[in-house]
Amino acid sequence: WDGILLNGHEAPQGVYVYRIFARFIDGSIYGHRG
C-alpha cells in the first residue's frame, strides 16, 4: 500500500488496520488458524 485510497486520494496520516488471507496453490491457507 502506497497510502493512496481506493478513490485515488491520499489517505490522511494516522493508524490503519491490515488483514491478510491467502489460499496457496497447494491448498494451504495463510491466516486460517495460523
Full PDB file with SEQRES, HELIX, SHEET, SSBOND, CRYST1, ORIGX, SCALE, CONECT and MASTER records, all heavy atoms in Angstrom:
SEQRES   1 A   34  TRP ASP GLY ILE LEU LEU ASN GLY HIS GLU ALA PRO GLN          
SEQRES   2 A   34  GLY VAL TYR VAL TYR ARG ILE PHE ALA ARG PHE ILE ASP          
SEQRES   3 A   34  GLY SER ILE TYR GLY HIS ARG GLY                              
SHEET    1 AA1 2 ALA A  22  ARG A  23  0                                        
SHEET    2 AA1 2 ILE A  29  TYR A  30 -1                                        
CRYST1    1.000    1.000    1.000  90.00  90.00  90.00 P 1           1          
ORIGX1      1.000000  0.000000  0.000000        0.00000                         
ORIGX2      0.000000  1.000000  0.000000        0.00000                         
ORIGX3      0.000000  0.000000  1.000000        0.00000                         
SCALE1      1.000000  0.000000  0.000000        0.00000                         
SCALE2      0.000000  1.000000  0.000000        0.00000                         
SCALE3      0.000000  0.000000  1.000000        0.00000                         
ATOM      1  N   TRP A   1       0.838  -1.187   0.000  1.00  0.00           N  
ATOM      2  CA  TRP A   1       0.000   0.000   0.000  1.00  0.00           C  
ATOM      3  C   TRP A   1       0.873   1.236   0.000  1.00  0.00           C  
ATOM      4  O   TRP A   1       1.785   1.370   0.812  1.00  0.00           O  
ATOM      5  CB  TRP A   1      -0.906  -0.013   1.226  1.00  0.00           C  
ATOM      6  CG  TRP A   1      -1.872   1.122   1.296  1.00  0.00           C  
ATOM      7  CD1 TRP A   1      -2.634   1.610   0.280  1.00  0.00           C  
ATOM      8  CD2 TRP A   1      -2.197   1.900   2.445  1.00  0.00           C  
ATOM      9  NE1 TRP A   1      -3.424   2.639   0.730  1.00  0.00           N  
ATOM     10  CE2 TRP A   1      -3.174   2.847   2.056  1.00  0.00           C  
ATOM     11  CE3 TRP A   1      -1.766   1.898   3.769  1.00  0.00           C  
ATOM     12  CZ2 TRP A   1      -3.717   3.761   2.941  1.00  0.00           C  
ATOM     13  CZ3 TRP A   1      -2.324   2.815   4.642  1.00  0.00           C  
ATOM     14  CH2 TRP A   1      -3.285   3.738   4.229  1.00  0.00           C  
ATOM     15  N   ASP A   2       0.595   2.170  -0.903  1.00  0.00           N  
ATOM     16  CA  ASP A   2       1.381   3.399  -1.012  1.00  0.00           C  
ATOM     17  C   ASP A   2       0.707   4.594  -0.346  1.00  0.00           C  
ATOM     18  O   ASP A   2       1.125   5.735  -0.542  1.00  0.00           O  
ATOM     19  CB  ASP A   2       1.677   3.709  -2.482  1.00  0.00           C  
ATOM     20  CG  ASP A   2       0.425   3.915  -3.315  1.00  0.00           C  
ATOM     21  OD1 ASP A   2      -0.697   3.863  -2.762  1.00  0.00           O  
ATOM     22  OD2 ASP A   2       0.567   4.125  -4.539  1.00  0.00           O  
ATOM     23  N   GLY A   3      -0.347   4.355   0.422  1.00  0.00           N  
ATOM     24  CA  GLY A   3      -1.033   5.449   1.113  1.00  0.00           C  
ATOM     25  C   GLY A   3      -2.108   6.123   0.285  1.00  0.00           C  
ATOM     26  O   GLY A   3      -2.667   7.127   0.700  1.00  0.00           O  
ATOM     27  N   ILE A   4      -2.404   5.538  -0.877  1.00  0.00           N  
ATOM     28  CA  ILE A   4      -3.457   6.084  -1.731  1.00  0.00           C  
ATOM     29  C   ILE A   4      -4.733   5.267  -1.513  1.00  0.00           C  
ATOM     30  O   ILE A   4      -4.703   4.041  -1.516  1.00  0.00           O  
ATOM     31  CB  ILE A   4      -3.048   6.064  -3.223  1.00  0.00           C  
ATOM     32  CG1 ILE A   4      -1.754   6.855  -3.438  1.00  0.00           C  
ATOM     33  CG2 ILE A   4      -4.175   6.584  -4.115  1.00  0.00           C  
ATOM     34  CD1 ILE A   4      -1.834   8.328  -3.096  1.00  0.00           C  
ATOM     35  N   LEU A   5      -5.854   5.958  -1.338  1.00  0.00           N  
ATOM     36  CA  LEU A   5      -7.135   5.300  -1.106  1.00  0.00           C  
ATOM     37  C   LEU A   5      -7.693   4.718  -2.397  1.00  0.00           C  
ATOM     38  O   LEU A   5      -7.239   5.058  -3.496  1.00  0.00           O  
ATOM     39  CB  LEU A   5      -8.132   6.306  -0.526  1.00  0.00           C  
ATOM     40  CG  LEU A   5      -7.720   6.977   0.788  1.00  0.00           C  
ATOM     41  CD1 LEU A   5      -8.710   8.076   1.150  1.00  0.00           C  
ATOM     42  CD2 LEU A   5      -7.614   5.952   1.894  1.00  0.00           C  
ATOM     43  N   LEU A   6      -8.708   3.874  -2.288  1.00  0.00           N  
ATOM     44  CA  LEU A   6      -9.347   3.279  -3.458  1.00  0.00           C  
ATOM     45  C   LEU A   6      -9.885   4.344  -4.416  1.00  0.00           C  
ATOM     46  O   LEU A   6      -9.927   4.126  -5.624  1.00  0.00           O  
ATOM     47  CB  LEU A   6     -10.494   2.353  -3.025  1.00  0.00           C  
ATOM     48  CG  LEU A   6     -10.082   1.054  -2.348  1.00  0.00           C  
ATOM     49  CD1 LEU A   6     -11.307   0.331  -1.806  1.00  0.00           C  
ATOM     50  CD2 LEU A   6      -9.322   0.159  -3.303  1.00  0.00           C  
ATOM     51  N   ASN A   7     -10.265   5.502  -3.884  1.00  0.00           N  
ATOM     52  CA  ASN A   7     -10.799   6.570  -4.739  1.00  0.00           C  
ATOM     53  C   ASN A   7      -9.703   7.422  -5.374  1.00  0.00           C  
ATOM     54  O   ASN A   7      -9.994   8.401  -6.054  1.00  0.00           O  
ATOM     55  CB  ASN A   7     -11.778   7.452  -3.954  1.00  0.00           C  
ATOM     56  CG  ASN A   7     -11.123   8.201  -2.807  1.00  0.00           C  
ATOM     57  OD1 ASN A   7      -9.897   8.263  -2.701  1.00  0.00           O  
ATOM     58  ND2 ASN A   7     -11.939   8.774  -1.942  1.00  0.00           N  
ATOM     59  N   GLY A   8      -8.427   7.081  -5.133  1.00  0.00           N  
ATOM     60  CA  GLY A   8      -7.315   7.788  -5.751  1.00  0.00           C  
ATOM     61  C   GLY A   8      -6.752   8.939  -4.950  1.00  0.00           C  
ATOM     62  O   GLY A   8      -5.749   9.537  -5.333  1.00  0.00           O  
ATOM     63  N   HIS A   9      -7.374   9.283  -3.833  1.00  0.00           N  
ATOM     64  CA  HIS A   9      -6.888  10.371  -2.989  1.00  0.00           C  
ATOM     65  C   HIS A   9      -5.879   9.855  -1.965  1.00  0.00           C  
ATOM     66  O   HIS A   9      -5.882   8.678  -1.614  1.00  0.00           O  
ATOM     67  CB  HIS A   9      -8.059  11.040  -2.262  1.00  0.00           C  
ATOM     68  CG  HIS A   9      -8.998  11.731  -3.177  1.00  0.00           C  
ATOM     69  ND1 HIS A   9     -10.184  11.171  -3.585  1.00  0.00           N  
ATOM     70  CD2 HIS A   9      -8.923  12.937  -3.782  1.00  0.00           C  
ATOM     71  CE1 HIS A   9     -10.802  11.995  -4.394  1.00  0.00           C  
ATOM     72  NE2 HIS A   9     -10.062  13.080  -4.542  1.00  0.00           N  
ATOM     73  N   GLU A  10      -5.044  10.758  -1.473  1.00  0.00           N  
ATOM     74  CA  GLU A  10      -4.104  10.392  -0.417  1.00  0.00           C  
ATOM     75  C   GLU A  10      -4.854  10.136   0.880  1.00  0.00           C  
ATOM     76  O   GLU A  10      -5.735  10.903   1.257  1.00  0.00           O  
ATOM     77  CB  GLU A  10      -3.083  11.512  -0.182  1.00  0.00           C  
ATOM     78  CG  GLU A  10      -2.054  11.626  -1.257  1.00  0.00           C  
ATOM     79  CD  GLU A  10      -0.954  12.614  -0.881  1.00  0.00           C  
ATOM     80  OE1 GLU A  10      -1.064  13.308   0.154  1.00  0.00           O  
ATOM     81  OE2 GLU A  10       0.015  12.675  -1.636  1.00  0.00           O  
ATOM     82  N   ALA A  11      -4.487   9.067   1.562  1.00  0.00           N  
ATOM     83  CA  ALA A  11      -5.073   8.774   2.868  1.00  0.00           C  
ATOM     84  C   ALA A  11      -4.499   9.739   3.894  1.00  0.00           C  
ATOM     85  O   ALA A  11      -3.320  10.100   3.819  1.00  0.00           O  
ATOM     86  CB  ALA A  11      -4.757   7.336   3.276  1.00  0.00           C  
ATOM     87  N   PRO A  12      -5.307  10.156   4.851  1.00  0.00           N  
ATOM     88  CA  PRO A  12      -4.760  11.018   5.894  1.00  0.00           C  
ATOM     89  C   PRO A  12      -3.795  10.261   6.802  1.00  0.00           C  
ATOM     90  O   PRO A  12      -3.904   9.048   6.967  1.00  0.00           O  
ATOM     91  CB  PRO A  12      -5.984  11.479   6.675  1.00  0.00           C  
ATOM     92  CG  PRO A  12      -7.113  10.624   6.263  1.00  0.00           C  
ATOM     93  CD  PRO A  12      -6.729   9.939   4.996  1.00  0.00           C  
ATOM     94  N   GLN A  13      -2.849  10.986   7.347  1.00  0.00           N  
ATOM     95  CA  GLN A  13      -1.923  10.402   8.313  1.00  0.00           C  
ATOM     96  C   GLN A  13      -2.723   9.797   9.456  1.00  0.00           C  
ATOM     97  O   GLN A  13      -3.738  10.342   9.870  1.00  0.00           O  
ATOM     98  CB  GLN A  13      -1.016  11.510   8.830  1.00  0.00           C  
ATOM     99  CG  GLN A  13       0.033  11.049   9.806  1.00  0.00           C  
ATOM    100  CD  GLN A  13       1.041  12.130  10.082  1.00  0.00           C  
ATOM    101  OE1 GLN A  13       1.745  12.539   9.177  1.00  0.00           O  
ATOM    102  NE2 GLN A  13       1.101  12.599  11.312  1.00  0.00           N  
ATOM    103  N   GLY A  14      -2.283   8.648   9.951  1.00  0.00           N  
ATOM    104  CA  GLY A  14      -2.977   8.032  11.073  1.00  0.00           C  
ATOM    105  C   GLY A  14      -2.757   6.533  11.129  1.00  0.00           C  
ATOM    106  O   GLY A  14      -1.904   5.984  10.437  1.00  0.00           O  
ATOM    107  N   VAL A  15      -3.558   5.879  11.952  1.00  0.00           N  
ATOM    108  CA  VAL A  15      -3.450   4.444  12.173  1.00  0.00           C  
ATOM    109  C   VAL A  15      -4.476   3.721  11.307  1.00  0.00           C  
ATOM    110  O   VAL A  15      -5.628   4.142  11.196  1.00  0.00           O  
ATOM    111  CB  VAL A  15      -3.676   4.103  13.664  1.00  0.00           C  
ATOM    112  CG1 VAL A  15      -3.653   2.596  13.897  1.00  0.00           C  
ATOM    113  CG2 VAL A  15      -2.625   4.793  14.530  1.00  0.00           C  
ATOM    114  N   TYR A  16      -4.049   2.623  10.711  1.00  0.00           N  
ATOM    115  CA  TYR A  16      -4.886   1.784   9.863  1.00  0.00           C  
ATOM    116  C   TYR A  16      -4.719   0.330  10.298  1.00  0.00           C  
ATOM    117  O   TYR A  16      -3.740  -0.026  10.946  1.00  0.00           O  
ATOM    118  CB  TYR A  16      -4.500   1.951   8.387  1.00  0.00           C  
ATOM    119  CG  TYR A  16      -4.819   3.336   7.876  1.00  0.00           C  
ATOM    120  CD1 TYR A  16      -3.941   4.398   8.090  1.00  0.00           C  
ATOM    121  CD2 TYR A  16      -6.009   3.589   7.218  1.00  0.00           C  
ATOM    122  CE1 TYR A  16      -4.248   5.675   7.659  1.00  0.00           C  
ATOM    123  CE2 TYR A  16      -6.329   4.877   6.779  1.00  0.00           C  
ATOM    124  CZ  TYR A  16      -5.437   5.907   7.008  1.00  0.00           C  
ATOM    125  OH  TYR A  16      -5.751   7.164   6.578  1.00  0.00           O  
ATOM    126  N   VAL A  17      -5.675  -0.487   9.927  1.00  0.00           N  
ATOM    127  CA  VAL A  17      -5.660  -1.904  10.274  1.00  0.00           C  
ATOM    128  C   VAL A  17      -5.443  -2.706   8.993  1.00  0.00           C  
ATOM    129  O   VAL A  17      -6.062  -2.408   7.964  1.00  0.00           O  
ATOM    130  CB  VAL A  17      -6.997  -2.316  10.931  1.00  0.00           C  
ATOM    131  CG1 VAL A  17      -7.037  -3.806  11.224  1.00  0.00           C  
ATOM    132  CG2 VAL A  17      -7.229  -1.512  12.204  1.00  0.00           C  
ATOM    133  N   TYR A  18      -4.569  -3.717   9.065  1.00  0.00           N  
ATOM    134  CA  TYR A  18      -4.395  -4.586   7.902  1.00  0.00           C  
ATOM    135  C   TYR A  18      -4.887  -5.988   8.235  1.00  0.00           C  
ATOM    136  O   TYR A  18      -4.930  -6.409   9.378  1.00  0.00           O  
ATOM    137  CB  TYR A  18      -2.934  -4.632   7.433  1.00  0.00           C  
ATOM    138  CG  TYR A  18      -1.996  -5.364   8.353  1.00  0.00           C  
ATOM    139  CD1 TYR A  18      -1.852  -6.744   8.277  1.00  0.00           C  
ATOM    140  CD2 TYR A  18      -1.249  -4.683   9.298  1.00  0.00           C  
ATOM    141  CE1 TYR A  18      -0.977  -7.426   9.113  1.00  0.00           C  
ATOM    142  CE2 TYR A  18      -0.382  -5.348  10.147  1.00  0.00           C  
ATOM    143  CZ  TYR A  18      -0.246  -6.721  10.041  1.00  0.00           C  
ATOM    144  OH  TYR A  18       0.604  -7.380  10.883  1.00  0.00           O  
ATOM    145  N   ARG A  19      -5.287  -6.714   7.183  1.00  0.00           N  
ATOM    146  CA  ARG A  19      -5.699  -8.109   7.306  1.00  0.00           C  
ATOM    147  C   ARG A  19      -5.165  -8.862   6.097  1.00  0.00           C  
ATOM    148  O   ARG A  19      -5.250  -8.362   4.973  1.00  0.00           O  
ATOM    149  CB  ARG A  19      -7.219  -8.219   7.362  1.00  0.00           C  
ATOM    150  CG  ARG A  19      -7.701  -9.644   7.548  1.00  0.00           C  
ATOM    151  CD  ARG A  19      -9.178  -9.692   7.768  1.00  0.00           C  
ATOM    152  NE  ARG A  19      -9.843  -9.423   6.492  1.00  0.00           N  
ATOM    153  CZ  ARG A  19     -11.140  -9.516   6.315  1.00  0.00           C  
ATOM    154  NH1 ARG A  19     -11.931  -9.813   7.319  1.00  0.00           N  
ATOM    155  NH2 ARG A  19     -11.671  -9.275   5.145  1.00  0.00           N  
ATOM    156  N   ILE A  20      -4.596 -10.027   6.342  1.00  0.00           N  
ATOM    157  CA  ILE A  20      -4.051 -10.854   5.265  1.00  0.00           C  
ATOM    158  C   ILE A  20      -4.736 -12.210   5.287  1.00  0.00           C  
ATOM    159  O   ILE A  20      -4.856 -12.831   6.341  1.00  0.00           O  
ATOM    160  CB  ILE A  20      -2.531 -11.062   5.432  1.00  0.00           C  
ATOM    161  CG1 ILE A  20      -1.792  -9.736   5.403  1.00  0.00           C  
ATOM    162  CG2 ILE A  20      -1.999 -12.001   4.366  1.00  0.00           C  
ATOM    163  CD1 ILE A  20      -0.320  -9.841   5.741  1.00  0.00           C  
ATOM    164  N   PHE A  21      -5.178 -12.663   4.118  1.00  0.00           N  
ATOM    165  CA  PHE A  21      -5.732 -14.000   3.960  1.00  0.00           C  
ATOM    166  C   PHE A  21      -5.329 -14.489   2.576  1.00  0.00           C  
ATOM    167  O   PHE A  21      -5.481 -13.762   1.604  1.00  0.00           O  
ATOM    168  CB  PHE A  21      -7.254 -13.989   4.080  1.00  0.00           C  
ATOM    169  CG  PHE A  21      -7.868 -15.339   3.867  1.00  0.00           C  
ATOM    170  CD1 PHE A  21      -7.971 -16.231   4.921  1.00  0.00           C  
ATOM    171  CD2 PHE A  21      -8.321 -15.715   2.627  1.00  0.00           C  
ATOM    172  CE1 PHE A  21      -8.528 -17.488   4.730  1.00  0.00           C  
ATOM    173  CE2 PHE A  21      -8.878 -16.968   2.423  1.00  0.00           C  
ATOM    174  CZ  PHE A  21      -8.979 -17.851   3.478  1.00  0.00           C  
ATOM    175  N   ALA A  22      -4.813 -15.709   2.481  1.00  0.00           N  
ATOM    176  CA  ALA A  22      -4.415 -16.254   1.181  1.00  0.00           C  
ATOM    177  C   ALA A  22      -4.567 -17.769   1.167  1.00  0.00           C  
ATOM    178  O   ALA A  22      -4.299 -18.431   2.153  1.00  0.00           O  
ATOM    179  CB  ALA A  22      -2.974 -15.885   0.862  1.00  0.00           C  
ATOM    180  N   ARG A  23      -5.017 -18.290   0.027  1.00  0.00           N  
ATOM    181  CA  ARG A  23      -5.040 -19.730  -0.200  1.00  0.00           C  
ATOM    182  C   ARG A  23      -3.974 -20.017  -1.255  1.00  0.00           C  
ATOM    183  O   ARG A  23      -3.994 -19.463  -2.341  1.00  0.00           O  
ATOM    184  CB  ARG A  23      -6.395 -20.205  -0.701  1.00  0.00           C  
ATOM    185  CG  ARG A  23      -6.447 -21.717  -0.928  1.00  0.00           C  
ATOM    186  CD  ARG A  23      -7.793 -22.168  -1.463  1.00  0.00           C  
ATOM    187  NE  ARG A  23      -8.908 -21.632  -0.720  1.00  0.00           N  
ATOM    188  CZ  ARG A  23      -9.442 -22.175   0.376  1.00  0.00           C  
ATOM    189  NH1 ARG A  23      -8.933 -23.286   0.861  1.00  0.00           N  
ATOM    190  NH2 ARG A  23     -10.469 -21.613   0.978  1.00  0.00           N  
ATOM    191  N   PHE A  24      -3.030 -20.878  -0.897  1.00  0.00           N  
ATOM    192  CA  PHE A  24      -1.915 -21.176  -1.782  1.00  0.00           C  
ATOM    193  C   PHE A  24      -2.265 -22.288  -2.763  1.00  0.00           C  
ATOM    194  O   PHE A  24      -3.248 -23.009  -2.591  1.00  0.00           O  
ATOM    195  CB  PHE A  24      -0.678 -21.551  -0.961  1.00  0.00           C  
ATOM    196  CG  PHE A  24      -0.211 -20.426  -0.080  1.00  0.00           C  
ATOM    197  CD1 PHE A  24      -0.452 -20.440   1.286  1.00  0.00           C  
ATOM    198  CD2 PHE A  24       0.439 -19.332  -0.621  1.00  0.00           C  
ATOM    199  CE1 PHE A  24      -0.037 -19.399   2.097  1.00  0.00           C  
ATOM    200  CE2 PHE A  24       0.857 -18.283   0.168  1.00  0.00           C  
ATOM    201  CZ  PHE A  24       0.615 -18.318   1.536  1.00  0.00           C  
ATOM    202  N   ILE A  25      -1.455 -22.419  -3.778  1.00  0.00           N  
ATOM    203  CA  ILE A  25      -1.689 -23.394  -4.834  1.00  0.00           C  
ATOM    204  C   ILE A  25      -1.770 -24.826  -4.305  1.00  0.00           C  
ATOM    205  O   ILE A  25      -2.476 -25.657  -4.860  1.00  0.00           O  
ATOM    206  CB  ILE A  25      -0.609 -23.240  -5.934  1.00  0.00           C  
ATOM    207  CG1 ILE A  25      -1.173 -23.534  -7.278  1.00  0.00           C  
ATOM    208  CG2 ILE A  25       0.598 -24.058  -5.656  1.00  0.00           C  
ATOM    209  CD1 ILE A  25      -0.315 -23.043  -8.422  1.00  0.00           C  
ATOM    210  N   ASP A  26      -1.086 -25.106  -3.199  1.00  0.00           N  
ATOM    211  CA  ASP A  26      -1.136 -26.455  -2.609  1.00  0.00           C  
ATOM    212  C   ASP A  26      -2.351 -26.647  -1.711  1.00  0.00           C  
ATOM    213  O   ASP A  26      -2.525 -27.699  -1.097  1.00  0.00           O  
ATOM    214  CB  ASP A  26       0.143 -26.759  -1.838  1.00  0.00           C  
ATOM    215  CG  ASP A  26       0.302 -25.917  -0.576  1.00  0.00           C  
ATOM    216  OD1 ASP A  26      -0.559 -25.062  -0.299  1.00  0.00           O  
ATOM    217  OD2 ASP A  26       1.300 -26.126   0.132  1.00  0.00           O  
ATOM    218  N   GLY A  27      -3.222 -25.631  -1.634  1.00  0.00           N  
ATOM    219  CA  GLY A  27      -4.437 -25.724  -0.841  1.00  0.00           C  
ATOM    220  C   GLY A  27      -4.299 -25.222   0.581  1.00  0.00           C  
ATOM    221  O   GLY A  27      -5.295 -25.058   1.281  1.00  0.00           O  
ATOM    222  N   SER A  28      -3.079 -24.972   1.034  1.00  0.00           N  
ATOM    223  CA  SER A  28      -2.900 -24.470   2.391  1.00  0.00           C  
ATOM    224  C   SER A  28      -3.403 -23.028   2.467  1.00  0.00           C  
ATOM    225  O   SER A  28      -3.431 -22.311   1.477  1.00  0.00           O  
ATOM    226  CB  SER A  28      -1.441 -24.557   2.832  1.00  0.00           C  
ATOM    227  OG  SER A  28      -0.624 -23.761   2.013  1.00  0.00           O  
ATOM    228  N   ILE A  29      -3.808 -22.642   3.660  1.00  0.00           N  
ATOM    229  CA  ILE A  29      -4.396 -21.317   3.861  1.00  0.00           C  
ATOM    230  C   ILE A  29      -3.552 -20.530   4.839  1.00  0.00           C  
ATOM    231  O   ILE A  29      -3.309 -20.976   5.955  1.00  0.00           O  
ATOM    232  CB  ILE A  29      -5.839 -21.427   4.387  1.00  0.00           C  
ATOM    233  CG1 ILE A  29      -6.704 -22.182   3.378  1.00  0.00           C  
ATOM    234  CG2 ILE A  29      -6.411 -20.039   4.666  1.00  0.00           C  
ATOM    235  CD1 ILE A  29      -8.093 -22.477   3.879  1.00  0.00           C  
ATOM    236  N   TYR A  30      -3.100 -19.359   4.414  1.00  0.00           N  
ATOM    237  CA  TYR A  30      -2.388 -18.447   5.298  1.00  0.00           C  
ATOM    238  C   TYR A  30      -3.436 -17.613   6.001  1.00  0.00           C  
ATOM    239  O   TYR A  30      -4.305 -17.021   5.372  1.00  0.00           O  
ATOM    240  CB  TYR A  30      -1.456 -17.535   4.499  1.00  0.00           C  
ATOM    241  CG  TYR A  30      -0.693 -16.564   5.364  1.00  0.00           C  
ATOM    242  CD1 TYR A  30       0.508 -16.929   5.927  1.00  0.00           C  
ATOM    243  CD2 TYR A  30      -1.194 -15.303   5.631  1.00  0.00           C  
ATOM    244  CE1 TYR A  30       1.217 -16.043   6.727  1.00  0.00           C  
ATOM    245  CE2 TYR A  30      -0.499 -14.420   6.428  1.00  0.00           C  
ATOM    246  CZ  TYR A  30       0.697 -14.799   6.974  1.00  0.00           C  
ATOM    247  OH  TYR A  30       1.375 -13.925   7.768  1.00  0.00           O  
ATOM    248  N   GLY A  31      -3.366 -17.582   7.303  1.00  0.00           N  
ATOM    249  CA  GLY A  31      -4.311 -16.784   8.056  1.00  0.00           C  
ATOM    250  C   GLY A  31      -5.467 -17.585   8.618  1.00  0.00           C  
ATOM    251  O   GLY A  31      -6.312 -17.053   9.304  1.00  0.00           O  
ATOM    252  N   HIS A  32      -5.519 -18.875   8.328  1.00  0.00           N  
ATOM    253  CA  HIS A  32      -6.588 -19.724   8.864  1.00  0.00           C  
ATOM    254  C   HIS A  32      -6.021 -20.578   9.975  1.00  0.00           C  
ATOM    255  O   HIS A  32      -5.210 -21.461   9.718  1.00  0.00           O  
ATOM    256  CB  HIS A  32      -7.161 -20.605   7.764  1.00  0.00           C  
ATOM    257  CG  HIS A  32      -8.256 -21.504   8.245  1.00  0.00           C  
ATOM    258  ND1 HIS A  32      -9.499 -21.022   8.566  1.00  0.00           N  
ATOM    259  CD2 HIS A  32      -8.283 -22.823   8.461  1.00  0.00           C  
ATOM    260  CE1 HIS A  32     -10.257 -22.036   8.950  1.00  0.00           C  
ATOM    261  NE2 HIS A  32      -9.541 -23.134   8.892  1.00  0.00           N  
ATOM    262  N   ARG A  33      -6.418 -20.255  11.216  1.00  0.00           N  
ATOM    263  CA  ARG A  33      -5.853 -20.959  12.364  1.00  0.00           C  
ATOM    264  C   ARG A  33      -4.341 -20.972  12.235  1.00  0.00           C  
ATOM    265  O   ARG A  33      -3.701 -22.013  12.230  1.00  0.00           O  
ATOM    266  CB  ARG A  33      -6.408 -22.372  12.473  1.00  0.00           C  
ATOM    267  CG  ARG A  33      -7.886 -22.380  12.718  1.00  0.00           C  
ATOM    268  CD  ARG A  33      -8.401 -23.755  12.940  1.00  0.00           C  
ATOM    269  NE  ARG A  33      -9.848 -23.686  13.064  1.00  0.00           N  
ATOM    270  CZ  ARG A  33     -10.641 -24.671  12.791  1.00  0.00           C  
ATOM    271  NH1 ARG A  33     -10.176 -25.812  12.380  1.00  0.00           N  
ATOM    272  NH2 ARG A  33     -11.942 -24.529  12.931  1.00  0.00           N  
ATOM    273  N   GLY A  34      -3.818 -19.774  12.080  1.00  0.00           N  
ATOM    274  CA  GLY A  34      -2.414 -19.563  11.770  1.00  0.00           C  
ATOM    275  C   GLY A  34      -1.442 -20.321  12.658  1.00  0.00           C  
ATOM    276  O   GLY A  34      -1.699 -20.593  13.806  1.00  0.00           O  
TER     277      GLY A  34                                                      
MASTER        0    0    0    0    2    0    0    6  276    1    0    3          
END                                                                             
